Each structure stands twice: as C-alpha cells, then as structure tokens.
C-alpha cells in the first residue's frame, strides 16, 4: 500500500466509519466537523483515533 493512502476498502462502510468517528470525537470533547479539520491539533486528532481504537478493542473483547 502506498504511503499516505487513506481509502476505505469497502466503500459502503464509509458513512458508518464517519458516524463512528464523529461519535468518538464527541466523547473526547473534540469539535470535529464534516470536511476540513486542519484547525485541530495533532493531540486532538490523536485522541479521536485513540478513542476509536479503544472502542473497537472493547467491542472485540466483548464478542470473544
């Protein structure tokens, strides 16, 4: 995979991933908008991604 490639492997999942991202942002108190979010810090963006991973791991462990 090329560096910097950010594509959804299943295009139908894009909307669900965006909802999940917005939900995670709300939980950590980051004001994420649809579209451009270049005004956010790396820390804010990282907290959103970290929250998403945390929730995915929790869901995986729950389903074991």
PDB file of N, CA and C in Angstrom:
ATOM      1  N   UNK A   1       0.852  -1.183   0.000  1.00  0.00           N
ATOM      2  CA  UNK A   1       0.000   0.000   0.000  1.00  0.00           C
ATOM      3  C   UNK A   1       0.891   1.237   0.000  1.00  0.00           C
ATOM      4  N   UNK A   2       0.526   2.179  -0.784  1.00  0.00           N
ATOM      5  CA  UNK A   2       1.302   3.411  -0.910  1.00  0.00           C
ATOM      6  C   UNK A   2       1.209   4.236   0.370  1.00  0.00           C
ATOM      7  N   UNK A   3       2.288   4.886   0.689  1.00  0.00           N
ATOM      8  CA  UNK A   3       2.306   5.729   1.877  1.00  0.00           C
ATOM      9  C   UNK A   3       1.353   6.901   1.669  1.00  0.00           C
ATOM     10  N   UNK A   4       0.561   7.196   2.693  1.00  0.00           N
ATOM     11  CA  UNK A   4      -0.382   8.291   2.598  1.00  0.00           C
ATOM     12  C   UNK A   4      -1.716   7.884   1.993  1.00  0.00           C
ATOM     13  N   UNK A   5      -1.849   6.611   1.669  1.00  0.00           N
ATOM     14  CA  UNK A   5      -3.102   6.127   1.102  1.00  0.00           C
ATOM     15  C   UNK A   5      -4.128   6.002   2.219  1.00  0.00           C
ATOM     16  N   UNK A   6      -5.241   6.637   2.047  1.00  0.00           N
ATOM     17  CA  UNK A   6      -6.293   6.607   3.055  1.00  0.00           C
ATOM     18  C   UNK A   6      -7.610   6.318   2.353  1.00  0.00           C
ATOM     19  N   UNK A   7      -7.794   5.051   2.000  1.00  0.00           N
ATOM     20  CA  UNK A   7      -9.019   4.713   1.290  1.00  0.00           C
ATOM     21  C   UNK A   7      -9.773   3.641   2.057  1.00  0.00           C
ATOM     22  N   UNK A   8     -11.077   3.682   1.966  1.00  0.00           N
ATOM     23  CA  UNK A   8     -11.932   2.702   2.598  1.00  0.00           C
ATOM     24  C   UNK A   8     -12.026   1.497   1.678  1.00  0.00           C
ATOM     25  N   UNK A   9     -11.680   0.323   2.193  1.00  0.00           N
ATOM     26  CA  UNK A   9     -11.686  -0.876   1.363  1.00  0.00           C
ATOM     27  C   UNK A   9     -13.092  -1.269   0.931  1.00  0.00           C
ATOM     28  N   UNK A  10     -14.070  -0.979   1.795  1.00  0.00           N
ATOM     29  CA  UNK A  10     -15.463  -1.256   1.458  1.00  0.00           C
ATOM     30  C   UNK A  10     -16.185   0.082   1.397  1.00  0.00           C
ATOM     31  N   UNK A  11     -16.413   0.613   0.200  1.00  0.00           N
ATOM     32  CA  UNK A  11     -16.995   1.958   0.069  1.00  0.00           C
ATOM     33  C   UNK A  11     -18.318   2.138   0.823  1.00  0.00           C
ATOM     34  N   UNK A  12     -19.101   1.084   0.933  1.00  0.00           N
ATOM     35  CA  UNK A  12     -20.388   1.172   1.624  1.00  0.00           C
ATOM     36  C   UNK A  12     -20.215   1.437   3.117  1.00  0.00           C
ATOM     37  N   UNK A  13     -19.025   1.175   3.649  1.00  0.00           N
ATOM     38  CA  UNK A  13     -18.763   1.354   5.080  1.00  0.00           C
ATOM     39  C   UNK A  13     -18.363   2.790   5.422  1.00  0.00           C
ATOM     40  N   UNK A  14     -18.106   3.611   4.432  1.00  0.00           N
ATOM     41  CA  UNK A  14     -17.615   4.976   4.674  1.00  0.00           C
ATOM     42  C   UNK A  14     -18.537   5.771   5.590  1.00  0.00           C
ATOM     43  N   UNK A  15     -19.829   5.728   5.354  1.00  0.00           N
ATOM     44  CA  UNK A  15     -20.781   6.501   6.160  1.00  0.00           C
ATOM     45  C   UNK A  15     -20.760   6.034   7.622  1.00  0.00           C
ATOM     46  N   UNK A  16     -20.722   4.728   7.831  1.00  0.00           N
ATOM     47  CA  UNK A  16     -20.669   4.196   9.187  1.00  0.00           C
ATOM     48  C   UNK A  16     -19.387   4.592   9.899  1.00  0.00           C
ATOM     49  N   UNK A  17     -18.273   4.568   9.188  1.00  0.00           N
ATOM     50  CA  UNK A  17     -16.997   4.983   9.776  1.00  0.00           C
ATOM     51  C   UNK A  17     -17.018   6.465  10.153  1.00  0.00           C
ATOM     52  N   UNK A  18     -17.628   7.271   9.314  1.00  0.00           N
ATOM     53  CA  UNK A  18     -17.723   8.705   9.624  1.00  0.00           C
ATOM     54  C   UNK A  18     -18.582   8.947  10.858  1.00  0.00           C
ATOM     55  N   UNK A  19     -19.695   8.208  10.987  1.00  0.00           N
ATOM     56  CA  UNK A  19     -20.542   8.338  12.180  1.00  0.00           C
ATOM     57  C   UNK A  19     -19.765   7.908  13.425  1.00  0.00           C
ATOM     58  N   UNK A  20     -19.022   6.808  13.293  1.00  0.00           N
ATOM     59  CA  UNK A  20     -18.215   6.298  14.398  1.00  0.00           C
ATOM     60  C   UNK A  20     -17.163   7.328  14.816  1.00  0.00           C
ATOM     61  N   UNK A  21     -16.529   7.961  13.838  1.00  0.00           N
ATOM     62  CA  UNK A  21     -15.512   8.975  14.112  1.00  0.00           C
ATOM     63  C   UNK A  21     -16.125  10.184  14.821  1.00  0.00           C
ATOM     64  N   UNK A  22     -17.284  10.625  14.373  1.00  0.00           N
ATOM     65  CA  UNK A  22     -17.944  11.775  14.995  1.00  0.00           C
ATOM     66  C   UNK A  22     -18.355  11.444  16.428  1.00  0.00           C
ATOM     67  N   UNK A  23     -18.831  10.227  16.659  1.00  0.00           N
ATOM     68  CA  UNK A  23     -19.216   9.789  17.996  1.00  0.00           C
ATOM     69  C   UNK A  23     -17.991   9.779  18.924  1.00  0.00           C
ATOM     70  N   UNK A  24     -16.881   9.247  18.443  1.00  0.00           N
ATOM     71  CA  UNK A  24     -15.651   9.206  19.239  1.00  0.00           C
ATOM     72  C   UNK A  24     -15.164  10.618  19.543  1.00  0.00           C
ATOM     73  N   UNK A  25     -15.244  11.517  18.580  1.00  0.00           N
ATOM     74  CA  UNK A  25     -14.817  12.904  18.787  1.00  0.00           C
ATOM     75  C   UNK A  25     -15.666  13.569  19.861  1.00  0.00           C
ATOM     76  N   UNK A  26     -16.953  13.324  19.822  1.00  0.00           N
ATOM     77  CA  UNK A  26     -17.864  13.907  20.803  1.00  0.00           C
ATOM     78  C   UNK A  26     -17.525  13.396  22.204  1.00  0.00           C
ATOM     79  N   UNK A  27     -17.199  12.106  22.312  1.00  0.00           N
ATOM     80  CA  UNK A  27     -16.881  11.500  23.607  1.00  0.00           C
ATOM     81  C   UNK A  27     -15.624  12.095  24.231  1.00  0.00           C
ATOM     82  N   UNK A  28     -14.653  12.465  23.423  1.00  0.00           N
ATOM     83  CA  UNK A  28     -13.414  13.031  23.969  1.00  0.00           C
ATOM     84  C   UNK A  28     -13.408  14.562  23.940  1.00  0.00           C
ATOM     85  N   UNK A  29     -14.511  15.164  23.507  1.00  0.00           N
ATOM     86  CA  UNK A  29     -14.644  16.617  23.551  1.00  0.00           C
ATOM     87  C   UNK A  29     -13.930  17.366  22.451  1.00  0.00           C
ATOM     88  N   UNK A  30     -13.780  16.737  21.287  1.00  0.00           N
ATOM     89  CA  UNK A  30     -13.131  17.389  20.149  1.00  0.00           C
ATOM     90  C   UNK A  30     -14.218  17.858  19.190  1.00  0.00           C
ATOM     91  N   UNK A  31     -14.141  19.116  18.782  1.00  0.00           N
ATOM     92  CA  UNK A  31     -15.134  19.685  17.878  1.00  0.00           C
ATOM     93  C   UNK A  31     -14.769  19.337  16.431  1.00  0.00           C
ATOM     94  N   UNK A  32     -15.131  18.138  16.023  1.00  0.00           N
ATOM     95  CA  UNK A  32     -14.846  17.644  14.684  1.00  0.00           C
ATOM     96  C   UNK A  32     -16.006  18.019  13.765  1.00  0.00           C
ATOM     97  N   UNK A  33     -15.693  18.474  12.564  1.00  0.00           N
ATOM     98  CA  UNK A  33     -16.732  18.835  11.610  1.00  0.00           C
ATOM     99  C   UNK A  33     -16.607  17.956  10.371  1.00  0.00           C
ATOM    100  N   UNK A  34     -17.668  17.891   9.597  1.00  0.00           N
ATOM    101  CA  UNK A  34     -17.587  17.215   8.299  1.00  0.00           C
ATOM    102  C   UNK A  34     -16.772  18.105   7.376  1.00  0.00           C
ATOM    103  N   UNK A  35     -15.826  17.521   6.695  1.00  0.00           N
ATOM    104  CA  UNK A  35     -14.986  18.301   5.793  1.00  0.00           C
ATOM    105  C   UNK A  35     -13.646  18.609   6.411  1.00  0.00           C
ATOM    106  N   UNK A  36     -13.160  19.813   6.215  1.00  0.00           N
ATOM    107  CA  UNK A  36     -11.820  20.229   6.628  1.00  0.00           C
ATOM    108  C   UNK A  36     -11.724  20.386   8.142  1.00  0.00           C
ATOM    109  N   UNK A  37     -10.702  19.772   8.728  1.00  0.00           N
ATOM    110  CA  UNK A  37     -10.458  19.882  10.163  1.00  0.00           C
ATOM    111  C   UNK A  37      -9.000  20.239  10.438  1.00  0.00           C
ATOM    112  N   UNK A  38      -8.391  21.010   9.547  1.00  0.00           N
ATOM    113  CA  UNK A  38      -6.995  21.379   9.672  1.00  0.00           C
ATOM    114  C   UNK A  38      -6.686  22.290  10.839  1.00  0.00           C
ATOM    115  N   UNK A  39      -7.717  22.815  11.474  1.00  0.00           N
ATOM    116  CA  UNK A  39      -7.511  23.688  12.621  1.00  0.00           C
ATOM    117  C   UNK A  39      -7.294  22.891  13.910  1.00  0.00           C
ATOM    118  N   UNK A  40      -7.468  21.574  13.873  1.00  0.00           N
ATOM    119  CA  UNK A  40      -7.287  20.747  15.055  1.00  0.00           C
ATOM    120  C   UNK A  40      -5.814  20.407  15.251  1.00  0.00           C
ATOM    121  N   UNK A  41      -5.434  20.233  16.506  1.00  0.00           N
ATOM    122  CA  UNK A  41      -4.053  19.878  16.802  1.00  0.00           C
ATOM    123  C   UNK A  41      -3.844  18.375  16.598  1.00  0.00           C
ATOM    124  N   UNK A  42      -2.592  17.978  16.533  1.00  0.00           N
ATOM    125  CA  UNK A  42      -2.265  16.558  16.421  1.00  0.00           C
ATOM    126  C   UNK A  42      -2.781  15.808  17.644  1.00  0.00           C
ATOM    127  N   UNK A  43      -2.696  16.428  18.785  1.00  0.00           N
ATOM    128  CA  UNK A  43      -3.176  15.808  20.024  1.00  0.00           C
ATOM    129  C   UNK A  43      -4.685  15.551  19.943  1.00  0.00           C
ATOM    130  N   UNK A  44      -5.442  16.521  19.449  1.00  0.00           N
ATOM    131  CA  UNK A  44      -6.894  16.354  19.331  1.00  0.00           C
ATOM    132  C   UNK A  44      -7.223  15.237  18.343  1.00  0.00           C
ATOM    133  N   UNK A  45      -6.577  15.262  17.185  1.00  0.00           N
ATOM    134  CA  UNK A  45      -6.814  14.218  16.197  1.00  0.00           C
ATOM    135  C   UNK A  45      -6.418  12.849  16.733  1.00  0.00           C
ATOM    136  N   UNK A  46      -5.313  12.786  17.444  1.00  0.00           N
ATOM    137  CA  UNK A  46      -4.862  11.530  18.026  1.00  0.00           C
ATOM    138  C   UNK A  46      -5.814  10.999  19.070  1.00  0.00           C
ATOM    139  N   UNK A  47      -6.421  11.894  19.833  1.00  0.00           N
ATOM    140  CA  UNK A  47      -7.367  11.448  20.854  1.00  0.00           C
ATOM    141  C   UNK A  47      -8.611  10.839  20.219  1.00  0.00           C
ATOM    142  N   UNK A  48      -9.020  11.356  19.075  1.00  0.00           N
ATOM    143  CA  UNK A  48     -10.166  10.788  18.366  1.00  0.00           C
ATOM    144  C   UNK A  48      -9.815   9.381  17.867  1.00  0.00           C
ATOM    145  N   UNK A  49      -8.671   9.254  17.220  1.00  0.00           N
ATOM    146  CA  UNK A  49      -8.239   7.943  16.732  1.00  0.00           C
ATOM    147  C   UNK A  49      -8.047   6.953  17.872  1.00  0.00           C
ATOM    148  N   UNK A  50      -7.480   7.413  18.973  1.00  0.00           N
ATOM    149  CA  UNK A  50      -7.280   6.548  20.131  1.00  0.00           C
ATOM    150  C   UNK A  50      -8.593   6.077  20.720  1.00  0.00           C
ATOM    151  N   UNK A  51      -9.570   6.967  20.770  1.00  0.00           N
ATOM    152  CA  UNK A  51     -10.898   6.598  21.283  1.00  0.00           C
ATOM    153  C   UNK A  51     -11.558   5.574  20.367  1.00  0.00           C
ATOM    154  N   UNK A  52     -11.378   5.737  19.061  1.00  0.00           N
ATOM    155  CA  UNK A  52     -11.942   4.769  18.115  1.00  0.00           C
ATOM    156  C   UNK A  52     -11.326   3.385  18.327  1.00  0.00           C
ATOM    157  N   UNK A  53     -10.012   3.337  18.477  1.00  0.00           N
ATOM    158  CA  UNK A  53      -9.336   2.055  18.693  1.00  0.00           C
ATOM    159  C   UNK A  53      -9.785   1.442  20.015  1.00  0.00           C
ATOM    160  N   UNK A  54      -9.889   2.251  21.053  1.00  0.00           N
ATOM    161  CA  UNK A  54     -10.320   1.767  22.358  1.00  0.00           C
ATOM    162  C   UNK A  54     -11.699   1.114  22.260  1.00  0.00           C
ATOM    163  N   UNK A  55     -12.613   1.776  21.570  1.00  0.00           N
ATOM    164  CA  UNK A  55     -13.967   1.233  21.421  1.00  0.00           C
ATOM    165  C   UNK A  55     -13.978  -0.045  20.578  1.00  0.00           C
ATOM    166  N   UNK A  56     -13.131  -0.106  19.545  1.00  0.00           N
ATOM    167  CA  UNK A  56     -13.065  -1.316  18.720  1.00  0.00           C
ATOM    168  C   UNK A  56     -12.519  -2.487  19.533  1.00  0.00           C
ATOM    169  N   UNK A  57     -11.505  -2.252  20.347  1.00  0.00           N
ATOM    170  CA  UNK A  57     -10.940  -3.307  21.178  1.00  0.00           C
ATOM    171  C   UNK A  57     -11.974  -3.777  22.197  1.00  0.00           C
ATOM    172  N   UNK A  58     -12.678  -2.839  22.817  1.00  0.00           N
ATOM    173  CA  UNK A  58     -13.718  -3.207  23.782  1.00  0.00           C
ATOM    174  C   UNK A  58     -14.784  -4.075  23.128  1.00  0.00           C
ATOM    175  N   UNK A  59     -15.194  -3.709  21.926  1.00  0.00           N
ATOM    176  CA  UNK A  59     -16.217  -4.473  21.217  1.00  0.00           C
ATOM    177  C   UNK A  59     -15.697  -5.868  20.852  1.00  0.00           C
ATOM    178  N   UNK A  60     -14.451  -5.962  20.443  1.00  0.00           N
ATOM    179  CA  UNK A  60     -13.851  -7.244  20.103  1.00  0.00           C
ATOM    180  C   UNK A  60     -13.801  -8.147  21.336  1.00  0.00           C
ATOM    181  N   UNK A  61     -13.334  -7.595  22.469  1.00  0.00           N
ATOM    182  CA  UNK A  61     -13.247  -8.381  23.690  1.00  0.00           C
ATOM    183  C   UNK A  61     -14.617  -8.837  24.166  1.00  0.00           C
ATOM    184  N   UNK A  62     -15.610  -7.990  23.983  1.00  0.00           N
ATOM    185  CA  UNK A  62     -16.987  -8.323  24.376  1.00  0.00           C
ATOM    186  C   UNK A  62     -17.506  -9.510  23.556  1.00  0.00           C
ATOM    187  N   UNK A  63     -17.087  -9.598  22.297  1.00  0.00           N
ATOM    188  CA  UNK A  63     -17.574 -10.651  21.403  1.00  0.00           C
ATOM    189  C   UNK A  63     -16.778 -11.944  21.485  1.00  0.00           C
ATOM    190  N   UNK A  64     -15.741 -11.986  22.330  1.00  0.00           N
ATOM    191  CA  UNK A  64     -14.953 -13.213  22.472  1.00  0.00           C
ATOM    192  C   UNK A  64     -15.722 -14.303  23.178  1.00  0.00           C
TER     193      UNK A  64
END
